[in-house]
Amino acid sequence: MSDEGADLRCAGCSAVGLDSRRCPSCGLELGYRYVALPGDDPTPCVECGGDRFDAEGRCAQCGRARTAPDRFDADLDAVAVLTDRGIAHARNEDAVAAGVLEGAAPGAAASVVIAVSDGVSTSSRPQVASAAAVRAGVGATAAALATGAPAAEAIMAGLTAAVQAVRDVDVPDGPAPSCTYVSAVVAHHGEETEITVANVGDSRAYWLPTGRDGRPADEQAQRLTVDDSWAQALVDAGAMDERAAMADPRAHTLIRWLGADSPPQPWADNCVRTVRVSGPGLLLLCSDGLWNYAPSPSALAEQMAGASPAAAARALAEFALRCGGGDNITVALAPVPWGSRPAVP
């Protein structure tokens, strides 16, 4: 577990500030696991060997830019996450974080919390904005769930924290740091799973059900979020269908985002949605570096049929790279029901 961005209470003695798998006060084994990517790269500076870098990734001693790995990934079993620099971009401005809570509060459902953010390249320090958003968002959501808050309330607590975290990013000069944000809470209630999502911008969430053989069940696949973009506005207004709107050069222009230059409430009134599923299937959160190449739920599902969540995340990233890798690629996949592993055909 990481203590970054999370303030959870022990279900046994209510101790706060937990930073290990076991409560330091009462010794209770804790059920919270957490990851945030891109992570810290332990590789020293190739120029001077220094091991300290600033927020922009430059060596504190010689100023040389750090050479970061192209890809970071992690598998928490209940959720697999991956972020890849892609081909066209010099750095990764996306970020993803996830937390797994196993009975964090007495009577609470086992839950997974996920957030994906895409830094706006035309803003200052977009990679710092996206990292701040997912860390604060997952931490605040998990902390709210740990107190017994409903998923819809917890996910809004996370969104509010993400908004403030991006506003707090220091900017020496230039346009305010900004990013998109999509988050999800997956709460497992016995035979039924409740999925709650929230979004600002054009990073997306999809529900991709599967049959017992692990193959996609296309007729039930659906996108769970509505983009805050120029293309979506054209579709909503009835001016164009989705295909024509996405061909417009302004298609990816955001009409809502997280940043100091966004409205006090940057989210739409209907930004939160809850669905109940009985599974099996996969919840997918991703940045537009993936879905831009396959916007439909069925097209995305076909790229990972029958694979485990970690393998499916890699398959989706490789698909986006084969399509050109024109943007950073970030993927989070949570299996439903928890612990299910699709059968490999």
Foldseek 3Di string as FASTA:
>chain_A
DALQQAWAAAQPPGDTSDGDQADPPPRHGFFKDKDKPPDDDQQADPPPRARDADLQQAGPPPRHHDDDDQKDWDPPLQKIKMWGFFDADPGALKMKMKMWGPCLHVPAFTKIKIKIKGKDVQWPSSSQLNRQLRSNLRRQLVRCVSVVHDNVVSNVSSNLRSLVSQQPDDDPDGHWIWIWMKMWMWGDDDQKIKIKMFIAAPWWKKWFFDDLQQATPQVPIDTDFQHQFQLSVCVVVVNDPNVVSLPPPRGRPGPFIRTNPAPPDRGDPPRMDMDMDSGFTKMKTKGCLQCVVPVGRNSLRVQQGQFFNNVSLVSSVVVSNVVPRNGMIIMMIGGPPRSDHRHHD
